[in-house]
Amino acid sequence: MLDFFYDSLDTLKKVRKPSTKEVIDLTLVIFFVVIIAAILFAVMDGLFGKLYSMFYDMMKGY
């Protein structure tokens, strides 16, 4: 049990603060992924909305 505690402390000593460049790069990647996901969800919503409308109109005729 104590070995785990000391190993954890050693690991925490190796943790370092990210540089400003790393923070900026990661922030830009996150924004890019969010924008791509928003576009994907909007396209899928439009596509499935049209498919639902076509199906509903087709079923309304019966």
Protein backbone atom coordinates (compact mmCIF):
# COMPACT_ATOMS: atom_id res chain seq x y z
CA MET A 1 0.00 0.00 0.00
CA LEU A 2 2.79 2.41 0.82
CA ASP A 3 4.54 1.53 -2.43
CA PHE A 4 1.48 2.70 -4.34
CA PHE A 5 1.43 5.94 -2.34
CA TYR A 6 5.12 6.66 -3.01
CA ASP A 7 4.79 5.73 -6.67
CA SER A 8 1.87 8.14 -6.95
CA LEU A 9 3.91 10.91 -5.39
CA ASP A 10 6.77 10.24 -7.80
CA THR A 11 4.35 10.42 -10.71
CA LEU A 12 2.92 13.71 -9.46
CA LYS A 13 6.43 15.18 -9.25
CA LYS A 14 6.87 14.46 -12.99
CA VAL A 15 3.67 16.30 -13.96
CA ARG A 16 4.42 19.62 -15.61
CA LYS A 17 2.40 22.67 -16.49
CA PRO A 18 1.61 22.89 -20.23
CA SER A 19 3.25 25.64 -22.21
CA THR A 20 1.27 28.53 -23.66
CA LYS A 21 1.73 27.11 -27.17
CA GLU A 22 0.34 23.73 -26.10
CA VAL A 23 -2.70 25.37 -24.50
CA ILE A 24 -3.38 27.48 -27.61
CA ASP A 25 -2.93 24.49 -29.95
CA LEU A 26 -5.27 22.30 -27.92
CA THR A 27 -7.87 25.07 -27.69
CA LEU A 28 -7.82 25.50 -31.47
CA VAL A 29 -8.17 21.75 -31.98
CA ILE A 30 -11.16 21.65 -29.63
CA PHE A 31 -12.86 24.55 -31.43
CA PHE A 32 -12.21 22.88 -34.80
CA VAL A 33 -13.70 19.57 -33.62
CA VAL A 34 -16.76 21.34 -32.18
CA ILE A 35 -17.34 23.22 -35.45
CA ILE A 36 -17.01 20.01 -37.51
CA ALA A 37 -19.41 18.19 -35.15
CA ALA A 38 -21.94 21.04 -35.36
CA ILE A 39 -21.83 20.96 -39.17
CA LEU A 40 -22.20 17.16 -39.16
CA PHE A 41 -25.18 17.28 -36.78
CA ALA A 42 -26.86 20.05 -38.79
CA VAL A 43 -26.47 18.08 -42.05
CA MET A 44 -27.76 14.88 -40.46
CA ASP A 45 -30.69 16.72 -38.88
CA GLY A 46 -31.63 18.21 -42.23
CA LEU A 47 -31.29 14.88 -43.99
CA PHE A 48 -33.31 12.89 -41.48
CA GLY A 49 -35.88 15.68 -41.23
CA LYS A 50 -36.47 15.50 -44.99
CA LEU A 51 -36.63 11.71 -44.90
CA TYR A 52 -39.18 11.87 -42.07
CA SER A 53 -41.26 14.42 -43.99
CA MET A 54 -41.19 12.26 -47.13
CA PHE A 55 -42.21 9.19 -45.11
CA TYR A 56 -44.97 11.11 -43.31
CA ASP A 57 -46.35 12.51 -46.59
CA MET A 58 -46.25 9.05 -48.14
CA MET A 59 -48.12 7.51 -45.20
CA LYS A 60 -50.66 10.34 -45.07
CA GLY A 61 -51.84 9.32 -48.54
CA TYR A 62 -53.02 5.89 -47.33
